C-alpha atoms as a PDB file:
ATOM      1  CA  MET A   1      39.839 -78.126 -42.602  1.00  0.00           C
ATOM      2  CA  LYS A   2      40.861 -78.377 -46.234  1.00  0.00           C
ATOM      3  CA  SER A   3      44.319 -79.525 -47.190  1.00  0.00           C
ATOM      4  CA  ASN A   4      46.347 -79.025 -50.347  1.00  0.00           C
ATOM      5  CA  ARG A   5      48.298 -81.915 -51.791  1.00  0.00           C
ATOM      6  CA  TYR A   6      51.338 -81.771 -54.000  1.00  0.00           C
ATOM      7  CA  THR A   7      51.862 -78.034 -53.394  1.00  0.00           C
ATOM      8  CA  ARG A   8      55.133 -76.172 -52.750  1.00  0.00           C
ATOM      9  CA  LEU A   9      55.561 -73.743 -49.882  1.00  0.00           C
ATOM     10  CA  VAL A  10      57.795 -70.813 -50.832  1.00  0.00           C
ATOM     11  CA  LEU A  11      59.394 -69.134 -47.748  1.00  0.00           C
ATOM     12  CA  LYS A  12      61.154 -65.808 -47.485  1.00  0.00           C
ATOM     13  CA  ARG A  13      64.879 -66.472 -47.580  1.00  0.00           C
ATOM     14  CA  THR A  14      68.308 -64.996 -48.155  1.00  0.00           C
ATOM     15  CA  GLU A  15      71.775 -66.178 -49.060  1.00  0.00           C
ATOM     16  CA  ILE A  16      73.490 -63.209 -47.421  1.00  0.00           C
ATOM     17  CA  SER A  17      75.324 -64.215 -44.265  1.00  0.00           C
ATOM     18  CA  GLY A  18      74.341 -62.308 -41.150  1.00  0.00           C
ATOM     19  CA  LEU A  19      70.779 -61.390 -42.159  1.00  0.00           C
ATOM     20  CA  SER A  20      67.923 -62.447 -39.893  1.00  0.00           C
ATOM     21  CA  ALA A  21      64.140 -62.020 -39.746  1.00  0.00           C
ATOM     22  CA  THR A  22      62.736 -58.597 -38.822  1.00  0.00           C
ATOM     23  CA  THR A  23      59.411 -56.943 -37.976  1.00  0.00           C
ATOM     24  CA  ALA A  24      58.113 -54.193 -40.257  1.00  0.00           C
ATOM     25  CA  ALA A  25      57.112 -50.719 -39.103  1.00  0.00           C
ATOM     26  CA  THR A  26      53.590 -51.234 -40.531  1.00  0.00           C
ATOM     27  CA  ALA A  27      51.199 -54.159 -40.239  1.00  0.00           C
ATOM     28  CA  ASP A  28      50.499 -54.296 -44.014  1.00  0.00           C
ATOM     29  CA  HIS A  29      53.208 -54.794 -46.641  1.00  0.00           C
ATOM     30  CA  THR A  30      51.142 -52.799 -49.173  1.00  0.00           C
ATOM     31  CA  LEU A  31      51.460 -49.617 -47.106  1.00  0.00           C
ATOM     32  CA  LEU A  32      54.338 -47.203 -46.847  1.00  0.00           C
ATOM     33  CA  PRO A  33      57.013 -47.276 -45.697  1.00  0.00           C
ATOM     34  CA  ALA A  34      57.942 -50.241 -47.857  1.00  0.00           C
ATOM     35  CA  TRP A  35      58.737 -53.511 -46.132  1.00  0.00           C
ATOM     36  CA  SER A  36      62.298 -54.858 -45.939  1.00  0.00           C
ATOM     37  CA  THR A  37      63.142 -58.153 -47.637  1.00  0.00           C
ATOM     38  CA  THR A  38      63.592 -59.649 -44.166  1.00  0.00           C
ATOM     39  CA  ASP A  39      60.187 -58.475 -42.767  1.00  0.00           C
ATOM     40  CA  ILE A  40      57.653 -61.245 -42.112  1.00  0.00           C
ATOM     41  CA  TYR A  41      54.023 -61.570 -40.958  1.00  0.00           C
ATOM     42  CA  PRO A  42      53.015 -63.539 -37.837  1.00  0.00           C
ATOM     43  CA  GLY A  43      53.049 -67.251 -38.785  1.00  0.00           C
ATOM     44  CA  GLU A  44      55.666 -66.793 -41.542  1.00  0.00           C
ATOM     45  CA  PHE A  45      59.150 -68.269 -41.639  1.00  0.00           C
ATOM     46  CA  PHE A  46      62.465 -66.744 -42.733  1.00  0.00           C
ATOM     47  CA  ILE A  47      65.498 -68.821 -43.723  1.00  0.00           C
ATOM     48  CA  ASN A  48      69.165 -67.823 -44.056  1.00  0.00           C
ATOM     49  CA  LEU A  49      70.543 -70.449 -46.452  1.00  0.00           C
ATOM     50  CA  GLU A  50      74.140 -69.346 -45.989  1.00  0.00           C
ATOM     51  CA  ASP A  51      74.127 -69.406 -42.158  1.00  0.00           C
ATOM     52  CA  GLU A  52      71.809 -72.443 -41.925  1.00  0.00           C
ATOM     53  CA  ARG A  53      69.385 -70.635 -39.616  1.00  0.00           C
ATOM     54  CA  ILE A  54      65.576 -70.346 -39.568  1.00  0.00           C
ATOM     55  CA  TRP A  55      63.131 -68.014 -37.746  1.00  0.00           C
ATOM     56  CA  ILE A  56      59.360 -67.844 -37.200  1.00  0.00           C
ATOM     57  CA  ARG A  57      57.289 -64.839 -36.160  1.00  0.00           C
ATOM     58  CA  THR A  58      54.759 -65.486 -33.358  1.00  0.00           C
ATOM     59  CA  ASN A  59      52.320 -63.258 -31.510  1.00  0.00           C
ATOM     60  CA  HIS A  60      55.143 -62.550 -29.089  1.00  0.00           C
ATOM     61  CA  GLY A  61      57.838 -61.648 -31.562  1.00  0.00           C
ATOM     62  CA  ILE A  62      60.408 -63.360 -33.765  1.00  0.00           C
ATOM     63  CA  ARG A  63      61.857 -66.623 -32.477  1.00  0.00           C
ATOM     64  CA  GLU A  64      64.762 -68.646 -33.902  1.00  0.00           C
ATOM     65  CA  ILE A  65      64.201 -72.380 -34.381  1.00  0.00           C
ATOM     66  CA  PRO A  66      67.203 -74.359 -33.055  1.00  0.00           C
ATOM     67  CA  MET A  67      68.829 -76.643 -35.623  1.00  0.00           C
ATOM     68  CA  GLY A  68      71.077 -79.634 -34.952  1.00  0.00           C
ATOM     69  CA  GLY A  69      74.508 -79.638 -36.530  1.00  0.00           C
ATOM     70  CA  PHE A  70      75.767 -83.179 -36.124  1.00  0.00           C
ATOM     71  CA  ALA A  71      78.186 -84.532 -38.745  1.00  0.00           C
ATOM     72  CA  ASP A  72      80.736 -87.375 -38.902  1.00  0.00           C
ATOM     73  CA  ILE A  73      80.195 -88.458 -35.312  1.00  0.00           C
ATOM     74  CA  GLN A  74      83.221 -90.336 -33.918  1.00  0.00           C
ATOM     75  CA  ASP A  75      84.188 -91.998 -30.654  1.00  0.00           C
ATOM     76  CA  LYS A  76      85.115 -89.508 -27.909  1.00  0.00           C
ATOM     77  CA  ASP A  77      83.420 -86.588 -29.696  1.00  0.00           C
ATOM     78  CA  ALA A  78      82.048 -83.916 -27.369  1.00  0.00           C
ATOM     79  CA  LEU A  79      78.762 -82.020 -27.544  1.00  0.00           C
ATOM     80  CA  VAL A  80      79.533 -78.299 -27.774  1.00  0.00           C
ATOM     81  CA  TYR A  81      77.496 -75.166 -28.439  1.00  0.00           C
ATOM     82  CA  ASP A  82      78.353 -73.030 -31.469  1.00  0.00           C
ATOM     83  CA  ILE A  83      77.517 -69.449 -30.460  1.00  0.00           C
ATOM     84  CA  SER A  84      77.970 -68.093 -33.978  1.00  0.00           C
ATOM     85  CA  LYS A  85      75.379 -70.498 -35.443  1.00  0.00           C
ATOM     86  CA  GLY A  86      73.107 -70.959 -32.453  1.00  0.00           C
ATOM     87  CA  PHE A  87      73.058 -74.768 -32.185  1.00  0.00           C
ATOM     88  CA  TRP A  88      74.761 -77.726 -30.526  1.00  0.00           C
ATOM     89  CA  THR A  89      77.112 -79.874 -32.546  1.00  0.00           C
ATOM     90  CA  ASN A  90      79.687 -82.619 -32.163  1.00  0.00           C
ATOM     91  CA  ALA A  91      83.390 -81.805 -32.050  1.00  0.00           C
ATOM     92  CA  VAL A  92      86.664 -83.719 -31.811  1.00  0.00           C
ATOM     93  CA  LEU A  93      88.658 -82.893 -28.682  1.00  0.00           C
ATOM     94  CA  THR A  94      92.281 -82.177 -29.576  1.00  0.00           C
ATOM     95  CA  THR A  95      94.852 -82.912 -26.887  1.00  0.00           C
ATOM     96  CA  GLY A  96      95.921 -79.681 -25.195  1.00  0.00           C
ATOM     97  CA  SER A  97      96.938 -78.198 -21.847  1.00  0.00           C
ATOM     98  CA  THR A  98      95.121 -76.738 -18.866  1.00  0.00           C
ATOM     99  CA  SER A  99      95.488 -73.286 -20.394  1.00  0.00           C
ATOM    100  CA  GLY A 100      92.988 -74.220 -23.106  1.00  0.00           C
ATOM    101  CA  THR A 101      91.652 -76.995 -25.359  1.00  0.00           C
ATOM    102  CA  THR A 102      90.992 -76.656 -29.090  1.00  0.00           C
ATOM    103  CA  PHE A 103      87.824 -78.213 -30.520  1.00  0.00           C
ATOM    104  CA  GLU A 104      87.726 -79.084 -34.218  1.00  0.00           C
ATOM    105  CA  GLY A 105      85.211 -80.742 -36.507  1.00  0.00           C
ATOM    106  CA  GLY A 106      81.449 -80.790 -36.966  1.00  0.00           C
ATOM    107  CA  GLY A 107      81.437 -77.525 -38.910  1.00  0.00           C
ATOM    108  CA  LEU A 108      83.383 -75.640 -36.209  1.00  0.00           C
ATOM    109  CA  ASP A 109      86.631 -73.946 -37.153  1.00  0.00           C
ATOM    110  CA  LYS A 110      88.028 -73.438 -33.632  1.00  0.00           C
ATOM    111  CA  MET A 111      86.619 -73.114 -30.144  1.00  0.00           C
ATOM    112  CA  MET A 112      88.481 -72.591 -26.863  1.00  0.00           C
ATOM    113  CA  MET A 113      87.343 -74.117 -23.567  1.00  0.00           C
ATOM    114  CA  ARG A 114      89.243 -72.816 -20.505  1.00  0.00           C
ATOM    115  CA  SER A 115      90.813 -75.116 -17.893  1.00  0.00           C
ATOM    116  CA  PHE A 116      89.656 -78.405 -19.462  1.00  0.00           C
ATOM    117  CA  SER A 117      91.457 -81.078 -21.433  1.00  0.00           C
ATOM    118  CA  VAL A 118      90.928 -84.668 -22.460  1.00  0.00           C
ATOM    119  CA  GLU A 119      93.684 -86.985 -23.639  1.00  0.00           C
ATOM    120  CA  ASN A 120      92.732 -89.585 -26.251  1.00  0.00           C
ATOM    121  CA  SER A 121      94.338 -92.300 -24.183  1.00  0.00           C
ATOM    122  CA  ASP A 122      94.788 -90.746 -20.695  1.00  0.00           C
ATOM    123  CA  SER A 123      92.526 -88.273 -18.905  1.00  0.00           C
ATOM    124  CA  SER A 124      94.606 -87.908 -15.700  1.00  0.00           C
ATOM    125  CA  LEU A 125      95.963 -84.565 -14.486  1.00  0.00           C
ATOM    126  CA  GLN A 126      99.630 -85.572 -14.616  1.00  0.00           C
ATOM    127  CA  SER A 127      99.309 -86.486 -18.304  1.00  0.00           C
ATOM    128  CA  LEU A 128      98.891 -82.825 -19.286  1.00  0.00           C
ATOM    129  CA  SER A 129     101.870 -81.245 -20.995  1.00  0.00           C
ATOM    130  CA  ASP A 130     102.156 -78.271 -18.621  1.00  0.00           C
ATOM    131  CA  VAL A 131     101.780 -80.247 -15.371  1.00  0.00           C
ATOM    132  CA  SER A 132     104.693 -81.871 -13.522  1.00  0.00           C
ATOM    133  CA  ILE A 133     103.749 -83.993 -10.485  1.00  0.00           C
ATOM    134  CA  SER A 134     106.184 -85.847  -8.265  1.00  0.00           C
ATOM    135  CA  ASP A 135     106.082 -87.259  -4.701  1.00  0.00           C
ATOM    136  CA  LEU A 136     102.429 -86.365  -4.384  1.00  0.00           C
ATOM    137  CA  LYS A 137     101.171 -85.815  -0.799  1.00  0.00           C
ATOM    138  CA  ASP A 138      97.870 -85.026   0.820  1.00  0.00           C
ATOM    139  CA  GLY A 139      97.120 -81.316   1.148  1.00  0.00           C
ATOM    140  CA  GLN A 140      99.481 -80.164  -1.606  1.00  0.00           C
ATOM    141  CA  PHE A 141      98.606 -77.415  -4.119  1.00  0.00           C
ATOM    142  CA  LEU A 142      99.411 -76.918  -7.790  1.00  0.00           C
ATOM    143  CA  ILE A 143     101.652 -73.828  -8.100  1.00  0.00           C
ATOM    144  CA  ASN A 144     102.584 -72.367 -11.489  1.00  0.00           C
ATOM    145  CA  ASN A 145     106.294 -71.783 -12.014  1.00  0.00           C
ATOM    146  CA  LYS A 146     107.398 -70.405 -15.392  1.00  0.00           C
ATOM    147  CA  GLY A 147     104.431 -71.950 -17.178  1.00  0.00           C
ATOM    148  CA  ILE A 148     104.612 -75.386 -15.489  1.00  0.00           C
ATOM    149  CA  TRP A 149     102.213 -76.484 -12.729  1.00  0.00           C
ATOM    150  CA  ASN A 150     104.053 -78.280  -9.895  1.00  0.00           C
ATOM    151  CA  ASN A 151     102.664 -79.960  -6.776  1.00  0.00           C
ATOM    152  CA  THR A 152     103.944 -78.040  -3.738  1.00  0.00           C
ATOM    153  CA  ASP A 153     103.511 -78.035   0.025  1.00  0.00           C
ATOM    154  CA  VAL A 154     101.852 -74.785   1.168  1.00  0.00           C
ATOM    155  CA  ASP A 155     102.284 -73.514   4.697  1.00  0.00           C
ATOM    156  CA  ILE A 156      98.911 -71.934   5.497  1.00  0.00           C
ATOM    157  CA  LYS A 157      99.278 -69.323   8.238  1.00  0.00           C
ATOM    158  CA  SER A 158      96.658 -69.459  10.961  1.00  0.00           C
ATOM    159  CA  SER A 159      97.870 -66.527  13.088  1.00  0.00           C
ATOM    160  CA  ILE A 160      99.155 -63.029  12.349  1.00  0.00           C
ATOM    161  CA  THR A 161     102.260 -63.833  14.374  1.00  0.00           C
ATOM    162  CA  ASP A 162     103.126 -66.575  11.861  1.00  0.00           C
ATOM    163  CA  LEU A 163     103.714 -64.038   9.081  1.00  0.00           C
ATOM    164  CA  ASN A 164     107.379 -63.399   8.349  1.00  0.00           C
ATOM    165  CA  ASP A 165     107.022 -59.575   8.165  1.00  0.00           C
ATOM    166  CA  VAL A 166     105.140 -59.188  11.467  1.00  0.00           C
ATOM    167  CA  TYR A 167     106.955 -58.864  14.804  1.00  0.00           C
ATOM    168  CA  ILE A 168     104.635 -58.714  17.822  1.00  0.00           C
ATOM    169  CA  GLN A 169     105.919 -58.510  21.367  1.00  0.00           C
ATOM    170  CA  ASP A 170     103.759 -58.493  24.533  1.00  0.00           C
ATOM    171  CA  PRO A 171     100.543 -57.293  22.836  1.00  0.00           C
ATOM    172  CA  ILE A 172      97.941 -55.431  24.917  1.00  0.00           C
ATOM    173  CA  ASN A 173      94.486 -54.059  24.235  1.00  0.00           C
ATOM    174  CA  GLU A 174      94.073 -51.060  21.864  1.00  0.00           C
ATOM    175  CA  GLN A 175      97.548 -51.339  20.330  1.00  0.00           C
ATOM    176  CA  TYR A 176      98.003 -50.940  16.582  1.00  0.00           C
ATOM    177  CA  LEU A 177     100.418 -52.288  13.931  1.00  0.00           C
ATOM    178  CA  SER A 178     103.015 -49.828  12.645  1.00  0.00           C
ATOM    179  CA  PHE A 179     105.142 -50.460   9.529  1.00  0.00           C
ATOM    180  CA  SER A 180     108.845 -49.603   9.784  1.00  0.00           C
ATOM    181  CA  ASN A 181     112.007 -51.092   8.238  1.00  0.00           C
ATOM    182  CA  ASN A 182     109.965 -53.628   6.242  1.00  0.00           C
ATOM    183  CA  LYS A 183     108.288 -55.029   9.356  1.00  0.00           C
ATOM    184  CA  TRP A 184     104.967 -54.583  11.134  1.00  0.00           C
ATOM    185  CA  THR A 185     105.301 -54.087  14.902  1.00  0.00           C
ATOM    186  CA  ASN A 186     102.749 -53.494  17.662  1.00  0.00           C
ATOM    187  CA  LYS A 187     102.711 -49.979  19.097  1.00  0.00           C
ATOM    188  CA  ASN A 188     100.829 -47.974  21.713  1.00  0.00           C
ATOM    189  CA  PHE A 189      98.827 -44.894  20.735  1.00  0.00           C
ATOM    190  CA  ASN A 190     100.672 -41.779  21.916  1.00  0.00           C
ATOM    191  CA  GLN A 191      98.741 -39.914  24.591  1.00  0.00           C
ATOM    192  CA  LEU A 192      99.339 -36.305  23.513  1.00  0.00           C
ATOM    193  CA  SER A 193      98.726 -33.442  25.940  1.00  0.00           C
ATOM    194  CA  LEU A 194      97.133 -30.197  24.788  1.00  0.00           C
ATOM    195  CA  SER A 195     100.271 -28.212  25.510  1.00  0.00           C
ATOM    196  CA  GLY A 196     102.289 -30.677  23.450  1.00  0.00           C
ATOM    197  CA  LEU A 197     100.635 -29.637  20.188  1.00  0.00           C
ATOM    198  CA  SER A 198     102.664 -27.334  17.943  1.00  0.00           C
ATOM    199  CA  ASN A 199     100.036 -24.583  17.509  1.00  0.00           C
ATOM    200  CA  ILE A 200      98.885 -24.357  21.135  1.00  0.00           C
ATOM    201  CA  LYS A 201     100.574 -22.186  23.762  1.00  0.00           C
ATOM    202  CA  ILE A 202      99.386 -22.719  27.346  1.00  0.00           C
ATOM    203  CA  SER A 203     100.559 -20.343  30.077  1.00  0.00           C
ATOM    204  CA  ASN A 204      99.534 -20.689  33.767  1.00  0.00           C
ATOM    205  CA  PRO A 205      96.164 -22.323  33.051  1.00  0.00           C
ATOM    206  CA  THR A 206      93.313 -21.863  35.540  1.00  0.00           C
ATOM    207  CA  GLU A 207      89.858 -23.334  35.864  1.00  0.00           C
ATOM    208  CA  ASP A 208      87.142 -22.315  33.390  1.00  0.00           C
ATOM    209  CA  GLN A 209      89.582 -20.787  30.900  1.00  0.00           C
ATOM    210  CA  VAL A 210      89.027 -21.225  27.162  1.00  0.00           C
ATOM    211  CA  LEU A 211      91.279 -21.499  24.118  1.00  0.00           C
ATOM    212  CA  SER A 212      91.325 -18.399  21.921  1.00  0.00           C
ATOM    213  CA  TYR A 213      92.865 -18.336  18.431  1.00  0.00           C
ATOM    214  CA  SER A 214      95.256 -15.448  17.823  1.00  0.00           C
ATOM    215  CA  GLY A 215      98.019 -14.974  15.244  1.00  0.00           C
ATOM    216  CA  GLY A 216      98.085 -18.627  14.199  1.00  0.00           C
ATOM    217  CA  THR A 217      98.284 -19.950  17.768  1.00  0.00           C
ATOM    218  CA  TRP A 218      95.688 -21.130  20.296  1.00  0.00           C
ATOM    219  CA  VAL A 219      96.224 -19.517  23.725  1.00  0.00           C
ATOM    220  CA  ASN A 220      94.401 -19.911  27.050  1.00  0.00           C
ATOM    221  CA  LYS A 221      92.214 -16.994  28.157  1.00  0.00           C
ATOM    222  CA  LYS A 222      89.474 -16.085  30.594  1.00  0.00           C
ATOM    223  CA  ALA A 223      85.981 -16.915  29.374  1.00  0.00           C
ATOM    224  CA  ILE A 224      83.903 -13.780  28.634  1.00  0.00           C
ATOM    225  CA  THR A 225      80.548 -13.875  30.397  1.00  0.00           C
ATOM    226  CA  GLY A 226      79.168 -10.329  29.917  1.00  0.00           C
ATOM    227  CA  LEU A 227      79.608  -6.561  30.326  1.00  0.00           C
ATOM    228  CA  SER A 228      80.287  -4.747  33.571  1.00  0.00           C
ATOM    229  CA  TRP A 229      80.134  -1.004  34.280  1.00  0.00           C
ATOM    230  CA  ASP A 230      82.036   0.369  37.238  1.00  0.00           C
ATOM    231  CA  LYS A 231      80.500   3.763  38.172  1.00  0.00           C
ATOM    232  CA  SER A 232      83.311   4.549  40.565  1.00  0.00           C
ATOM    233  CA  THR A 233      85.848   4.474  37.774  1.00  0.00           C
ATOM    234  CA  ALA A 234      83.360   5.298  34.998  1.00  0.00           C
ATOM    235  CA  THR A 235      84.609   2.406  32.857  1.00  0.00           C
ATOM    236  CA  LEU A 236      82.862  -0.312  30.915  1.00  0.00           C
ATOM    237  CA  ALA A 237      84.590  -3.682  31.106  1.00  0.00           C
ATOM    238  CA  LEU A 238      84.207  -7.209  29.794  1.00  0.00           C
ATOM    239  CA  GLU A 239      83.393  -9.483  32.699  1.00  0.00           C
ATOM    240  CA  SER A 240      85.427 -12.695  32.502  1.00  0.00           C
ATOM    241  CA  GLN A 241      85.846 -15.741  34.666  1.00  0.00           C
ATOM    242  CA  GLY A 242      88.215 -14.628  37.395  1.00  0.00           C
ATOM    243  CA  GLY A 243      88.440 -10.910  36.513  1.00  0.00           C
ATOM    244  CA  TYR A 244      87.691  -8.012  34.189  1.00  0.00           C
ATOM    245  CA  GLU A 245      89.155  -6.709  30.971  1.00  0.00           C
ATOM    246  CA  MET A 246      88.775  -3.189  29.594  1.00  0.00           C
ATOM    247  CA  LEU A 247      86.287  -3.030  26.726  1.00  0.00           C
ATOM    248  CA  THR A 248      87.866  -1.600  23.580  1.00  0.00           C
ATOM    249  CA  MET A 249      86.923  -0.780  19.993  1.00  0.00           C
ATOM    250  CA  GLU A 250      89.631  -0.987  17.326  1.00  0.00           C
ATOM    251  CA  GLY A 251      92.204  -1.007  20.109  1.00  0.00           C
ATOM    252  CA  LYS A 252      90.813   2.134  21.807  1.00  0.00           C
ATOM    253  CA  PRO A 253      89.023   2.077  25.204  1.00  0.00           C
ATOM    254  CA  ILE A 254      85.286   2.642  25.439  1.00  0.00           C
ATOM    255  CA  GLU A 255      84.331   4.775  28.459  1.00  0.00           C
ATOM    256  CA  ILE A 256      81.084   5.576  30.249  1.00  0.00           C
ATOM    257  CA  VAL A 257      80.894   9.149  31.540  1.00  0.00           C
ATOM    258  CA  SER A 258      78.376  10.674  33.932  1.00  0.00           C
ATOM    259  CA  SER A 259      79.765  14.211  34.182  1.00  0.00           C
ATOM    260  CA  ASP A 260      81.059  16.903  31.860  1.00  0.00           C
ATOM    261  CA  ILE A 261      84.043  15.808  29.809  1.00  0.00           C
ATOM    262  CA  LEU A 262      86.382  17.215  27.149  1.00  0.00           C
ATOM    263  CA  LEU A 263      87.155  14.496  24.599  1.00  0.00           C
ATOM    264  CA  THR A 264      90.699  13.806  23.437  1.00  0.00           C
ATOM    265  CA  ASN A 265      92.121  11.793  20.596  1.00  0.00           C
ATOM    266  CA  LYS A 266      92.390   8.871  23.013  1.00  0.00           C
ATOM    267  CA  LYS A 267      88.649   8.783  23.638  1.00  0.00           C
ATOM    268  CA  TYR A 268      86.990   7.777  20.405  1.00  0.00           C
ATOM    269  CA  THR A 269      83.817   6.161  21.800  1.00  0.00           C
ATOM    270  CA  ILE A 270      81.839   7.539  24.760  1.00  0.00           C
ATOM    271  CA  LEU A 271      78.745   6.099  26.465  1.00  0.00           C
ATOM    272  CA  VAL A 272      76.928   8.869  28.370  1.00  0.00           C
ATOM    273  CA  ASP A 273      75.052   8.178  31.622  1.00  0.00           C
ATOM    274  CA  ALA A 274      72.825  11.176  32.424  1.00  0.00           C
ATOM    275  CA  THR A 275      70.946   9.478  35.238  1.00  0.00           C
ATOM    276  CA  TYR A 276      71.745  12.012  37.974  1.00  0.00           C
ATOM    277  CA  ASN A 277      72.545  15.209  36.114  1.00  0.00           C
ATOM    278  CA  PRO A 278      72.862  16.783  32.646  1.00  0.00           C
ATOM    279  CA  VAL A 279      76.120  15.946  30.891  1.00  0.00           C
ATOM    280  CA  ASN A 280      78.044  18.203  28.524  1.00  0.00           C
ATOM    281  CA  VAL A 281      80.407  16.438  26.140  1.00  0.00           C
ATOM    282  CA  TYR A 282      82.892  18.947  24.745  1.00  0.00           C
ATOM    283  CA  ILE A 283      84.675  18.105  21.504  1.00  0.00           C
ATOM    284  CA  PRO A 284      88.098  19.638  20.808  1.00  0.00           C
ATOM    285  CA  SER A 285      88.909  22.105  18.046  1.00  0.00           C
ATOM    286  CA  ALA A 286      88.351  20.589  14.588  1.00  0.00           C
ATOM    287  CA  SER A 287      91.620  22.115  13.411  1.00  0.00           C
ATOM    288  CA  GLU A 288      93.495  19.954  15.909  1.00  0.00           C
ATOM    289  CA  CYS A 289      91.657  16.711  15.052  1.00  0.00           C
ATOM    290  CA  PHE A 290      91.680  16.383  11.266  1.00  0.00           C
ATOM    291  CA  GLY A 291      90.162  12.999  10.321  1.00  0.00           C
ATOM    292  CA  THR A 292      89.298  12.106  13.930  1.00  0.00           C
ATOM    293  CA  ILE A 293      85.951  10.360  14.488  1.00  0.00           C
ATOM    294  CA  PHE A 294      84.048  10.470  17.802  1.00  0.00           C
ATOM    295  CA  ASN A 295      81.150   8.126  18.589  1.00  0.00           C
ATOM    296  CA  ILE A 296      78.783   9.269  21.365  1.00  0.00           C
ATOM    297  CA  LYS A 297      75.829   7.186  22.584  1.00  0.00           C
ATOM    298  CA  ILE A 298      73.263   7.822  25.339  1.00  0.00           C
ATOM    299  CA  VAL A 299      72.782   4.910  27.790  1.00  0.00           C
ATOM    300  CA  SER A 300      70.650   6.722  30.402  1.00  0.00           C
ATOM    301  CA  ASP A 301      68.172   9.527  29.688  1.00  0.00           C
ATOM    302  CA  THR A 302      66.970  11.085  32.980  1.00  0.00           C
ATOM    303  CA  PHE A 303      68.685  14.345  32.019  1.00  0.00           C
ATOM    304  CA  ILE A 304      69.812  15.952  28.747  1.00  0.00           C
ATOM    305  CA  THR A 305      73.188  15.295  27.131  1.00  0.00           C
ATOM    306  CA  ASN A 306      74.716  18.111  25.071  1.00  0.00           C
ATOM    307  CA  VAL A 307      77.506  17.672  22.538  1.00  0.00           C
ATOM    308  CA  ILE A 308      79.292  21.034  22.267  1.00  0.00           C
ATOM    309  CA  PRO A 309      82.337  22.164  20.215  1.00  0.00           C
ATOM    310  CA  ASP A 310      84.971  23.474  22.646  1.00  0.00           C
ATOM    311  CA  SER A 311      86.044  26.139  20.147  1.00  0.00           C
ATOM    312  CA  VAL A 312      83.604  29.007  19.570  1.00  0.00           C
ATOM    313  CA  ASP A 313      84.630  28.976  15.900  1.00  0.00           C
ATOM    314  CA  ASP A 314      83.548  25.345  15.399  1.00  0.00           C
ATOM    315  CA  HIS A 315      80.091  24.112  14.479  1.00  0.00           C
ATOM    316  CA  ILE A 316      78.396  20.747  14.005  1.00  0.00           C
ATOM    317  CA  PHE A 317      76.975  20.135  10.516  1.00  0.00           C
ATOM    318  CA  THR A 318      74.587  17.376   9.523  1.00  0.00           C
ATOM    319  CA  ASN A 319      76.081  17.494   5.988  1.00  0.00           C
ATOM    320  CA  LEU A 320      78.175  19.746   3.754  1.00  0.00           C
ATOM    321  CA  PHE A 321      75.209  21.916   2.735  1.00  0.00           C
ATOM    322  CA  SER A 322      73.461  22.371   6.086  1.00  0.00           C
ATOM    323  CA  THR A 323      73.625  25.239   8.554  1.00  0.00           C
ATOM    324  CA  GLY A 324      75.898  24.444  11.451  1.00  0.00           C
ATOM    325  CA  VAL A 325      74.769  24.401  15.099  1.00  0.00           C
ATOM    326  CA  THR A 326      76.775  25.240  18.193  1.00  0.00           C
ATOM    327  CA  PHE A 327      75.635  22.103  20.047  1.00  0.00           C
ATOM    328  CA  ALA A 328      73.531  18.957  19.644  1.00  0.00           C
ATOM    329  CA  ALA A 329      71.149  17.842  22.423  1.00  0.00           C
ATOM    330  CA  PHE A 330      70.037  14.257  23.179  1.00  0.00           C
ATOM    331  CA  GLY A 331      67.510  13.000  25.714  1.00  0.00           C
ATOM    332  CA  SER A 332      66.600   9.365  24.926  1.00  0.00           C
ATOM    333  CA  ILE A 333      68.335   6.089  25.564  1.00  0.00           C
ATOM    334  CA  GLY A 334      69.891   4.853  22.348  1.00  0.00           C
ATOM    335  CA  ASP A 335      70.382   8.318  20.850  1.00  0.00           C
ATOM    336  CA  LYS A 336      73.789   8.532  19.253  1.00  0.00           C
ATOM    337  CA  ILE A 337      75.927  10.718  17.040  1.00  0.00           C
ATOM    338  CA  SER A 338      79.141  10.073  15.116  1.00  0.00           C
ATOM    339  CA  ILE A 339      81.115  13.126  14.013  1.00  0.00           C
ATOM    340  CA  GLN A 340      84.317  13.610  12.032  1.00  0.00           C
ATOM    341  CA  SER A 341      86.647  16.590  11.686  1.00  0.00           C
ATOM    342  CA  ASN A 342      87.582  17.942   8.239  1.00  0.00           C
ATOM    343  CA  GLY A 343      90.155  20.258   9.827  1.00  0.00           C
ATOM    344  CA  GLU A 344      87.743  23.208  10.016  1.00  0.00           C
ATOM    345  CA  ASP A 345      84.428  21.956  11.408  1.00  0.00           C
ATOM    346  CA  TRP A 346      82.695  18.778  12.622  1.00  0.00           C
ATOM    347  CA  TYR A 347      80.350  16.858  10.347  1.00  0.00           C
ATOM    348  CA  GLN A 348      77.836  14.208  11.338  1.00  0.00           C
ATOM    349  CA  ILE A 349      78.526  10.865   9.601  1.00  0.00           C
END
């Protein structure tokens, strides 16, 4: 390997504080975009003369070379790291307090080290200006009072009953602490009954009843288990635990009929059982039932069910433009018709 003697190596450098080495966007400084004055090739150095810092670019990126900053070393100097310049240097420790120590010298203006201090002639704790120690005993703590640290006895509580705002009397399992009148006391959980709740009203409860919500209040009721049809009374009822309730729709009773019947305004919904004979359901005069709606449904289809206007002047229309009929006949389970009076005739809806 050849060597050159008596040659000068010119490095890229700057005298602008804060600038450091950078990597260019291209691998060749002759190509665009143009290189910055701080861009360097692998193996090149970059020096900041103002900040006293130096970098080298390697195959793994740009690395800063640490530089020592020792100057005017004196007895009791400390070795401290200057973050702004990136190197370790010596510094004179100036007497301070536990709240902070000022370092001066060695090119550093000021540096603060928390909770550390060294006296030039005395490095004991009681020598610090914000510490006052007297009658020192084992187990004492330093407590700050108005900026001064004093040695103080501390009563460390080992039980909850030792606390001055806790009053516990005859504790038992599953109790809890309740705060009242600036004190914590042990209490039992209240065992609330269902009837004791404000939005529940219980009246003569029996077995297998349920709670039903009505008008903002929960009340006890029989549990509904299904439908029941009593042929002897020709009524359909809700079967409940312990009894029956009449089945209704919009507050009106629903009835099952098995013989001819003339409907009234009180019978809005009819279930027709034509098991044993034909059934004629007569609807009243439309002029007497303006706005009334009747719902008729076939639940047994052995025989025919006829829906017939009681007035010879009335007809049943499928719509406003159809020809009216004097009766409607049904013969299959599930057949149904809903009709409404307009004051003159009945219309299917």
